[in-house]
Amino acid sequence: MDDPARAAQRIFDDRKAGKRFAPAAGWFEGFDLAAAYAIQDAYVALLKREHGPAVAGYKIGLTSQRMQALCHASEPIAGVVLASRMLESPGELRAADYIRLCIECELAVRIGADIGLDAPPLTATMVGSAVDRVAAAFEIVDDADADYAGIDGASIAADNSWNAGLLLGPSVAYDGKGLIGRRGVLYRDGVEIDQGMSEDVLGDPLSVVLWLDGHLRAHGRHLRAGDWITTGSIITTKFVKPGERYEFRLDGLEPVTLVGR
């Protein structure tokens, strides 16, 4: 197979059927990162027909060394977050609604104003002024029971980077003082199970916004006012089972909580 639309339909149908993730690198002829995003565009169009056309923002994944090592990747990937899949903390998710429900612990940022294609690309000195709110968040992920020994970043990107939604904690206005140096701790049923630092994602969550601005421009799109951006998990993916309660605390922000059902 070498047609992005047909590949997207295969991914869509496989997920409907509850099939295990099959990396496109293994069945799409001439597969590379450019092909992955062509497939993603066609796949997101199918998702919009089912879940509604409104886009709430973007998922950026594989931004930390831990996540790149887990997924055998060397660069970040992006995906689209649909507005119908946005949730607020505290949240509940039914594991049965997913092939395999996962969460990733993130610092999410919101874009305050449109940054059109006619505007200069963001720079390190400009990017902070583009953000107006921040929040701790769980990215909702469905990895379709992937075998992590045989996955690759581009194949994940083709599957809309496995995004299944975003659960936001209470947001606060961004004070412009930077986003590094914040420790994040994940608790399961009240017991600490992992932690990381905000700078684990590309050295600075604001660097992720810079990366996304360049990525979107390369694909003829741009950041818009109100877009939420998940900047990548500072803690490796966790698999949610019914009855478990998760809480992610990030310095300076209200916690985000989730219960699996």
C-alpha atoms as a PDB file:
ATOM      1  CA  MET A   1       0.000   0.000   0.000  1.00  0.00           C
ATOM      2  CA  ASP A   2       1.289   3.465  -0.885  1.00  0.00           C
ATOM      3  CA  ASP A   3      -1.843   5.660  -0.758  1.00  0.00           C
ATOM      4  CA  PRO A   4      -2.234   7.856   2.371  1.00  0.00           C
ATOM      5  CA  ALA A   5      -6.040   7.900   2.197  1.00  0.00           C
ATOM      6  CA  ARG A   6      -6.240   4.103   2.036  1.00  0.00           C
ATOM      7  CA  ALA A   7      -3.692   3.821   4.844  1.00  0.00           C
ATOM      8  CA  ALA A   8      -5.742   6.210   6.980  1.00  0.00           C
ATOM      9  CA  GLN A   9      -8.860   4.141   6.339  1.00  0.00           C
ATOM     10  CA  ARG A  10      -6.996   1.002   7.414  1.00  0.00           C
ATOM     11  CA  ILE A  11      -5.943   2.646  10.685  1.00  0.00           C
ATOM     12  CA  PHE A  12      -9.486   3.931  11.268  1.00  0.00           C
ATOM     13  CA  ASP A  13     -11.022   0.517  10.555  1.00  0.00           C
ATOM     14  CA  ASP A  14      -8.442  -1.313  12.685  1.00  0.00           C
ATOM     15  CA  ARG A  15      -9.261   0.876  15.663  1.00  0.00           C
ATOM     16  CA  LYS A  16     -12.989   0.388  15.162  1.00  0.00           C
ATOM     17  CA  ALA A  17     -12.384  -3.357  15.180  1.00  0.00           C
ATOM     18  CA  GLY A  18     -10.215  -3.174  18.305  1.00  0.00           C
ATOM     19  CA  LYS A  19      -7.157  -4.494  16.510  1.00  0.00           C
ATOM     20  CA  ARG A  20      -3.643  -4.212  17.883  1.00  0.00           C
ATOM     21  CA  PHE A  21      -1.453  -1.376  16.610  1.00  0.00           C
ATOM     22  CA  ALA A  22       0.351  -2.381  13.415  1.00  0.00           C
ATOM     23  CA  PRO A  23       3.176   0.085  12.623  1.00  0.00           C
ATOM     24  CA  ALA A  24       2.746   1.590   9.167  1.00  0.00           C
ATOM     25  CA  ALA A  25       6.470   1.170   8.632  1.00  0.00           C
ATOM     26  CA  GLY A  26       5.722  -2.517   8.182  1.00  0.00           C
ATOM     27  CA  TRP A  27       3.003  -2.265   5.532  1.00  0.00           C
ATOM     28  CA  PHE A  28       3.157   1.157   3.778  1.00  0.00           C
ATOM     29  CA  GLU A  29       5.484   1.202   0.774  1.00  0.00           C
ATOM     30  CA  GLY A  30       8.171   3.889   0.954  1.00  0.00           C
ATOM     31  CA  PHE A  31       7.085   4.904   4.458  1.00  0.00           C
ATOM     32  CA  ASP A  32       8.841   7.896   6.008  1.00  0.00           C
ATOM     33  CA  LEU A  33       7.927  10.862   8.221  1.00  0.00           C
ATOM     34  CA  ALA A  34       6.437  12.830   5.308  1.00  0.00           C
ATOM     35  CA  ALA A  35       4.198   9.867   4.475  1.00  0.00           C
ATOM     36  CA  ALA A  36       3.279   9.587   8.151  1.00  0.00           C
ATOM     37  CA  TYR A  37       1.885  13.128   8.262  1.00  0.00           C
ATOM     38  CA  ALA A  38       0.060  12.667   4.949  1.00  0.00           C
ATOM     39  CA  ILE A  39      -1.613   9.611   6.475  1.00  0.00           C
ATOM     40  CA  GLN A  40      -2.315  11.552   9.677  1.00  0.00           C
ATOM     41  CA  ASP A  41      -4.072  14.332   7.742  1.00  0.00           C
ATOM     42  CA  ALA A  42      -6.370  11.810   6.076  1.00  0.00           C
ATOM     43  CA  TYR A  43      -6.947   9.962   9.345  1.00  0.00           C
ATOM     44  CA  VAL A  44      -7.821  13.134  11.258  1.00  0.00           C
ATOM     45  CA  ALA A  45     -10.351  13.954   8.526  1.00  0.00           C
ATOM     46  CA  LEU A  46     -12.031  10.607   9.264  1.00  0.00           C
ATOM     47  CA  LEU A  47     -11.981  11.329  13.002  1.00  0.00           C
ATOM     48  CA  LYS A  48     -13.599  14.728  12.411  1.00  0.00           C
ATOM     49  CA  ARG A  49     -16.515  13.086  10.634  1.00  0.00           C
ATOM     50  CA  GLU A  50     -17.161  10.978  13.723  1.00  0.00           C
ATOM     51  CA  HIS A  51     -16.252  13.336  16.566  1.00  0.00           C
ATOM     52  CA  GLY A  52     -16.874  16.785  15.081  1.00  0.00           C
ATOM     53  CA  PRO A  53     -14.667  19.141  13.073  1.00  0.00           C
ATOM     54  CA  ALA A  54     -13.514  21.559  15.769  1.00  0.00           C
ATOM     55  CA  VAL A  55      -9.831  21.433  16.703  1.00  0.00           C
ATOM     56  CA  ALA A  56      -8.846  22.346  20.277  1.00  0.00           C
ATOM     57  CA  GLY A  57      -5.093  22.169  19.824  1.00  0.00           C
ATOM     58  CA  TYR A  58      -2.165  19.837  19.397  1.00  0.00           C
ATOM     59  CA  LYS A  59      -0.432  16.968  21.080  1.00  0.00           C
ATOM     60  CA  ILE A  60       3.362  16.998  20.911  1.00  0.00           C
ATOM     61  CA  GLY A  61       4.934  13.715  21.865  1.00  0.00           C
ATOM     62  CA  LEU A  62       8.333  12.123  22.232  1.00  0.00           C
ATOM     63  CA  THR A  63       9.852  15.341  23.553  1.00  0.00           C
ATOM     64  CA  SER A  64      11.817  13.748  26.400  1.00  0.00           C
ATOM     65  CA  GLN A  65      14.704  11.295  26.276  1.00  0.00           C
ATOM     66  CA  ARG A  66      12.669   8.830  28.336  1.00  0.00           C
ATOM     67  CA  MET A  67       9.779   8.839  25.882  1.00  0.00           C
ATOM     68  CA  GLN A  68      12.036   8.704  22.821  1.00  0.00           C
ATOM     69  CA  ALA A  69      13.834   5.701  24.282  1.00  0.00           C
ATOM     70  CA  LEU A  70      10.501   3.999  25.049  1.00  0.00           C
ATOM     71  CA  CYS A  71       9.236   4.493  21.486  1.00  0.00           C
ATOM     72  CA  HIS A  72      12.497   4.089  19.559  1.00  0.00           C
ATOM     73  CA  ALA A  73      12.411   7.635  18.191  1.00  0.00           C
ATOM     74  CA  SER A  74      14.889  10.468  17.791  1.00  0.00           C
ATOM     75  CA  GLU A  75      12.601  13.482  17.305  1.00  0.00           C
ATOM     76  CA  PRO A  76       9.226  14.833  18.466  1.00  0.00           C
ATOM     77  CA  ILE A  77       5.934  14.060  16.756  1.00  0.00           C
ATOM     78  CA  ALA A  78       2.655  15.987  16.613  1.00  0.00           C
ATOM     79  CA  GLY A  79      -1.029  15.123  16.565  1.00  0.00           C
ATOM     80  CA  VAL A  80      -4.363  16.932  16.526  1.00  0.00           C
ATOM     81  CA  VAL A  81      -6.584  17.243  19.616  1.00  0.00           C
ATOM     82  CA  LEU A  82     -10.277  17.482  18.740  1.00  0.00           C
ATOM     83  CA  ALA A  83     -12.488  19.791  20.799  1.00  0.00           C
ATOM     84  CA  SER A  84     -14.972  16.987  21.473  1.00  0.00           C
ATOM     85  CA  ARG A  85     -12.198  15.084  23.268  1.00  0.00           C
ATOM     86  CA  MET A  86     -11.317  17.870  25.711  1.00  0.00           C
ATOM     87  CA  LEU A  87     -12.157  17.159  29.367  1.00  0.00           C
ATOM     88  CA  GLU A  88     -11.743  19.009  32.644  1.00  0.00           C
ATOM     89  CA  SER A  89     -10.366  17.664  35.914  1.00  0.00           C
ATOM     90  CA  PRO A  90     -11.532  15.758  37.870  1.00  0.00           C
ATOM     91  CA  GLY A  91     -12.258  13.284  35.120  1.00  0.00           C
ATOM     92  CA  GLU A  92     -13.460   9.719  34.709  1.00  0.00           C
ATOM     93  CA  LEU A  93     -12.615   7.446  31.790  1.00  0.00           C
ATOM     94  CA  ARG A  94     -13.904   3.968  31.025  1.00  0.00           C
ATOM     95  CA  ALA A  95     -11.071   1.661  30.082  1.00  0.00           C
ATOM     96  CA  ALA A  96     -13.548  -0.373  28.026  1.00  0.00           C
ATOM     97  CA  ASP A  97     -13.966   2.597  25.653  1.00  0.00           C
ATOM     98  CA  TYR A  98     -10.364   2.211  24.496  1.00  0.00           C
ATOM     99  CA  ILE A  99      -8.252  -0.605  23.113  1.00  0.00           C
ATOM    100  CA  ARG A 100      -5.734   0.228  25.835  1.00  0.00           C
ATOM    101  CA  LEU A 101      -6.184   3.371  27.885  1.00  0.00           C
ATOM    102  CA  CYS A 102      -2.976   5.234  28.771  1.00  0.00           C
ATOM    103  CA  ILE A 103      -2.137   8.596  30.279  1.00  0.00           C
ATOM    104  CA  GLU A 104       0.840  10.900  29.924  1.00  0.00           C
ATOM    105  CA  CYS A 105       1.728  13.636  32.437  1.00  0.00           C
ATOM    106  CA  GLU A 106       2.141  17.005  30.797  1.00  0.00           C
ATOM    107  CA  LEU A 107       2.435  20.734  31.150  1.00  0.00           C
ATOM    108  CA  ALA A 108      -0.122  22.200  28.750  1.00  0.00           C
ATOM    109  CA  VAL A 109      -0.015  25.761  27.416  1.00  0.00           C
ATOM    110  CA  ARG A 110      -2.610  27.869  25.618  1.00  0.00           C
ATOM    111  CA  ILE A 111      -1.937  30.241  22.733  1.00  0.00           C
ATOM    112  CA  GLY A 112      -3.285  33.731  23.361  1.00  0.00           C
ATOM    113  CA  ALA A 113      -3.598  35.118  19.815  1.00  0.00           C
ATOM    114  CA  ASP A 114      -3.442  33.933  16.233  1.00  0.00           C
ATOM    115  CA  ILE A 115       0.054  33.604  14.790  1.00  0.00           C
ATOM    116  CA  GLY A 116      -0.701  33.682  11.089  1.00  0.00           C
ATOM    117  CA  LEU A 117       1.479  32.426   8.290  1.00  0.00           C
ATOM    118  CA  ASP A 118       2.105  36.048   7.328  1.00  0.00           C
ATOM    119  CA  ALA A 119       3.611  36.704  10.775  1.00  0.00           C
ATOM    120  CA  PRO A 120       7.305  36.023  11.441  1.00  0.00           C
ATOM    121  CA  PRO A 121       8.066  32.567  12.836  1.00  0.00           C
ATOM    122  CA  LEU A 122       8.303  32.462  16.606  1.00  0.00           C
ATOM    123  CA  THR A 123      11.724  32.898  18.162  1.00  0.00           C
ATOM    124  CA  ALA A 124      13.041  32.037  21.604  1.00  0.00           C
ATOM    125  CA  THR A 125      12.529  35.646  22.710  1.00  0.00           C
ATOM    126  CA  MET A 126       8.979  35.820  21.309  1.00  0.00           C
ATOM    127  CA  VAL A 127       7.515  32.499  22.322  1.00  0.00           C
ATOM    128  CA  GLY A 128       6.745  33.367  25.935  1.00  0.00           C
ATOM    129  CA  SER A 129       4.481  36.219  24.853  1.00  0.00           C
ATOM    130  CA  ALA A 130       2.483  33.806  22.683  1.00  0.00           C
ATOM    131  CA  VAL A 131       1.310  31.803  25.718  1.00  0.00           C
ATOM    132  CA  ASP A 132      -1.511  33.139  27.903  1.00  0.00           C
ATOM    133  CA  ARG A 133      -2.427  30.199  30.201  1.00  0.00           C
ATOM    134  CA  VAL A 134      -0.827  27.037  31.562  1.00  0.00           C
ATOM    135  CA  ALA A 135      -2.143  23.905  33.256  1.00  0.00           C
ATOM    136  CA  ALA A 136      -1.139  20.481  34.452  1.00  0.00           C
ATOM    137  CA  ALA A 137      -2.736  17.895  32.193  1.00  0.00           C
ATOM    138  CA  PHE A 138      -3.151  14.257  31.368  1.00  0.00           C
ATOM    139  CA  GLU A 139      -2.935  13.501  27.711  1.00  0.00           C
ATOM    140  CA  ILE A 140      -5.365  10.669  27.034  1.00  0.00           C
ATOM    141  CA  VAL A 141      -3.657   8.089  24.866  1.00  0.00           C
ATOM    142  CA  ASP A 142      -4.863   4.895  23.241  1.00  0.00           C
ATOM    143  CA  ASP A 143      -1.833   2.926  22.093  1.00  0.00           C
ATOM    144  CA  ALA A 144      -4.008   0.098  20.729  1.00  0.00           C
ATOM    145  CA  ASP A 145      -2.104  -2.462  22.788  1.00  0.00           C
ATOM    146  CA  ALA A 146       1.117  -1.694  20.905  1.00  0.00           C
ATOM    147  CA  ASP A 147       4.163  -3.881  21.294  1.00  0.00           C
ATOM    148  CA  TYR A 148       6.718  -1.284  22.357  1.00  0.00           C
ATOM    149  CA  ALA A 149       9.574  -3.481  21.190  1.00  0.00           C
ATOM    150  CA  GLY A 150       8.516  -2.995  17.574  1.00  0.00           C
ATOM    151  CA  ILE A 151       7.213   0.573  17.287  1.00  0.00           C
ATOM    152  CA  ASP A 152       8.682   3.707  15.712  1.00  0.00           C
ATOM    153  CA  GLY A 153       7.898   7.391  16.012  1.00  0.00           C
ATOM    154  CA  ALA A 154       6.723   7.909  12.436  1.00  0.00           C
ATOM    155  CA  SER A 155       4.201   5.059  12.657  1.00  0.00           C
ATOM    156  CA  ILE A 156       2.800   6.571  15.846  1.00  0.00           C
ATOM    157  CA  ALA A 157       2.546   9.962  14.096  1.00  0.00           C
ATOM    158  CA  ALA A 158       0.533   8.384  11.273  1.00  0.00           C
ATOM    159  CA  ASP A 159      -2.010   7.232  13.892  1.00  0.00           C
ATOM    160  CA  ASN A 160      -2.490  10.857  15.023  1.00  0.00           C
ATOM    161  CA  SER A 161       0.280  10.272  17.549  1.00  0.00           C
ATOM    162  CA  TRP A 162      -2.133   8.039  19.489  1.00  0.00           C
ATOM    163  CA  ASN A 163      -4.035  11.036  20.848  1.00  0.00           C
ATOM    164  CA  ALA A 164      -7.442  10.212  22.322  1.00  0.00           C
ATOM    165  CA  GLY A 165      -8.052  13.492  24.120  1.00  0.00           C
ATOM    166  CA  LEU A 166      -6.808  15.885  26.785  1.00  0.00           C
ATOM    167  CA  LEU A 167      -7.820  16.153  30.432  1.00  0.00           C
ATOM    168  CA  LEU A 168      -6.934  19.613  31.737  1.00  0.00           C
ATOM    169  CA  GLY A 169      -6.359  20.612  35.316  1.00  0.00           C
ATOM    170  CA  PRO A 170      -7.355  24.146  36.415  1.00  0.00           C
ATOM    171  CA  SER A 171      -5.407  26.656  34.334  1.00  0.00           C
ATOM    172  CA  VAL A 172      -3.730  29.865  35.471  1.00  0.00           C
ATOM    173  CA  ALA A 173      -2.572  32.940  33.610  1.00  0.00           C
ATOM    174  CA  TYR A 174       1.014  32.586  32.440  1.00  0.00           C
ATOM    175  CA  ASP A 175       3.216  35.070  34.278  1.00  0.00           C
ATOM    176  CA  GLY A 176       5.969  35.150  31.673  1.00  0.00           C
ATOM    177  CA  LYS A 177       8.616  33.967  34.126  1.00  0.00           C
ATOM    178  CA  GLY A 178       9.433  30.746  32.316  1.00  0.00           C
ATOM    179  CA  LEU A 179       8.328  27.146  32.665  1.00  0.00           C
ATOM    180  CA  ILE A 180      11.488  25.275  33.592  1.00  0.00           C
ATOM    181  CA  GLY A 181      12.344  24.066  37.084  1.00  0.00           C
ATOM    182  CA  ARG A 182       8.900  22.658  37.853  1.00  0.00           C
ATOM    183  CA  ARG A 183       8.841  19.206  39.395  1.00  0.00           C
ATOM    184  CA  GLY A 184       5.991  16.925  38.438  1.00  0.00           C
ATOM    185  CA  VAL A 185       4.925  13.989  40.606  1.00  0.00           C
ATOM    186  CA  LEU A 186       2.424  11.283  39.649  1.00  0.00           C
ATOM    187  CA  TYR A 187       0.391   9.479  42.304  1.00  0.00           C
ATOM    188  CA  ARG A 188      -1.659   6.329  41.863  1.00  0.00           C
ATOM    189  CA  ASP A 189      -4.189   5.681  44.615  1.00  0.00           C
ATOM    190  CA  GLY A 190      -2.352   8.195  46.772  1.00  0.00           C
ATOM    191  CA  VAL A 191       1.104   6.627  46.368  1.00  0.00           C
ATOM    192  CA  GLU A 192       3.875   8.353  44.427  1.00  0.00           C
ATOM    193  CA  ILE A 193       4.880   6.197  41.455  1.00  0.00           C
ATOM    194  CA  ASP A 194       7.020   8.477  39.264  1.00  0.00           C
ATOM    195  CA  GLN A 195       8.307  12.001  38.793  1.00  0.00           C
ATOM    196  CA  GLY A 196      10.070  14.264  36.326  1.00  0.00           C
ATOM    197  CA  MET A 197      10.956  17.886  35.596  1.00  0.00           C
ATOM    198  CA  SER A 198       9.330  20.320  33.188  1.00  0.00           C
ATOM    199  CA  GLU A 199      12.646  20.870  31.403  1.00  0.00           C
ATOM    200  CA  ASP A 200      12.737  17.185  30.470  1.00  0.00           C
ATOM    201  CA  VAL A 201      10.713  18.152  27.357  1.00  0.00           C
ATOM    202  CA  LEU A 202      13.177  19.624  24.836  1.00  0.00           C
ATOM    203  CA  GLY A 203      14.911  21.468  27.676  1.00  0.00           C
ATOM    204  CA  ASP A 204      11.945  23.828  28.128  1.00  0.00           C
ATOM    205  CA  PRO A 205       8.191  23.480  27.414  1.00  0.00           C
ATOM    206  CA  LEU A 206       8.380  26.764  25.492  1.00  0.00           C
ATOM    207  CA  SER A 207      10.820  25.077  23.098  1.00  0.00           C
ATOM    208  CA  VAL A 208       8.019  22.660  22.269  1.00  0.00           C
ATOM    209  CA  VAL A 209       5.830  25.609  21.217  1.00  0.00           C
ATOM    210  CA  LEU A 210       8.660  26.804  18.962  1.00  0.00           C
ATOM    211  CA  TRP A 211       8.925  23.337  17.448  1.00  0.00           C
ATOM    212  CA  LEU A 212       5.177  23.192  16.806  1.00  0.00           C
ATOM    213  CA  ASP A 213       5.135  26.632  15.168  1.00  0.00           C
ATOM    214  CA  GLY A 214       7.757  25.409  12.696  1.00  0.00           C
ATOM    215  CA  HIS A 215       6.001  22.080  12.170  1.00  0.00           C
ATOM    216  CA  LEU A 216       2.658  23.690  11.388  1.00  0.00           C
ATOM    217  CA  ARG A 217       4.198  26.249   9.039  1.00  0.00           C
ATOM    218  CA  ALA A 218       5.878  23.431   7.121  1.00  0.00           C
ATOM    219  CA  HIS A 219       2.414  21.945   6.597  1.00  0.00           C
ATOM    220  CA  GLY A 220       0.684  25.204   5.651  1.00  0.00           C
ATOM    221  CA  ARG A 221      -1.040  25.706   8.995  1.00  0.00           C
ATOM    222  CA  HIS A 222      -0.559  28.006  11.962  1.00  0.00           C
ATOM    223  CA  LEU A 223      -1.233  28.438  15.655  1.00  0.00           C
ATOM    224  CA  ARG A 224      -4.559  29.993  16.573  1.00  0.00           C
ATOM    225  CA  ALA A 225      -5.899  31.801  19.611  1.00  0.00           C
ATOM    226  CA  GLY A 226      -7.178  29.288  22.139  1.00  0.00           C
ATOM    227  CA  ASP A 227      -5.104  26.347  20.910  1.00  0.00           C
ATOM    228  CA  TRP A 228      -3.999  24.121  23.770  1.00  0.00           C
ATOM    229  CA  ILE A 229      -0.637  22.429  23.319  1.00  0.00           C
ATOM    230  CA  THR A 230       0.453  19.416  25.334  1.00  0.00           C
ATOM    231  CA  THR A 231       4.215  19.711  25.516  1.00  0.00           C
ATOM    232  CA  GLY A 232       5.091  16.047  26.036  1.00  0.00           C
ATOM    233  CA  SER A 233       5.152  13.658  28.941  1.00  0.00           C
ATOM    234  CA  ILE A 234       7.779  14.234  31.604  1.00  0.00           C
ATOM    235  CA  ILE A 235       6.894  10.776  32.936  1.00  0.00           C
ATOM    236  CA  THR A 236       6.672   7.598  30.884  1.00  0.00           C
ATOM    237  CA  THR A 237       3.278   6.345  29.731  1.00  0.00           C
ATOM    238  CA  LYS A 238       1.080   4.705  32.367  1.00  0.00           C
ATOM    239  CA  PHE A 239      -1.666   2.191  31.635  1.00  0.00           C
ATOM    240  CA  VAL A 240      -4.953   2.894  33.423  1.00  0.00           C
ATOM    241  CA  LYS A 241      -6.996   0.073  34.934  1.00  0.00           C
ATOM    242  CA  PRO A 242     -10.572   0.282  36.252  1.00  0.00           C
ATOM    243  CA  GLY A 243     -10.720   1.522  39.834  1.00  0.00           C
ATOM    244  CA  GLU A 244      -7.368   3.298  39.797  1.00  0.00           C
ATOM    245  CA  ARG A 245      -7.131   6.963  40.734  1.00  0.00           C
ATOM    246  CA  TYR A 246      -4.317   9.105  39.308  1.00  0.00           C
ATOM    247  CA  GLU A 247      -3.226  12.564  40.374  1.00  0.00           C
ATOM    248  CA  PHE A 248      -0.483  14.589  38.690  1.00  0.00           C
ATOM    249  CA  ARG A 249       0.970  17.513  40.621  1.00  0.00           C
ATOM    250  CA  LEU A 250       3.186  20.067  38.904  1.00  0.00           C
ATOM    251  CA  ASP A 251       4.843  22.869  40.869  1.00  0.00           C
ATOM    252  CA  GLY A 252       2.871  26.108  40.776  1.00  0.00           C
ATOM    253  CA  LEU A 253      -0.284  24.543  39.314  1.00  0.00           C
ATOM    254  CA  GLU A 254      -3.426  22.879  40.610  1.00  0.00           C
ATOM    255  CA  PRO A 255      -3.344  19.073  40.251  1.00  0.00           C
ATOM    256  CA  VAL A 256      -5.113  17.136  37.538  1.00  0.00           C
ATOM    257  CA  THR A 257      -6.965  13.980  38.623  1.00  0.00           C
ATOM    258  CA  LEU A 258      -8.422  10.982  36.825  1.00  0.00           C
ATOM    259  CA  VAL A 259     -10.315   7.868  37.869  1.00  0.00           C
ATOM    260  CA  GLY A 260     -10.402   4.793  35.669  1.00  0.00           C
ATOM    261  CA  ARG A 261     -13.745   2.999  35.361  1.00  0.00           C
END
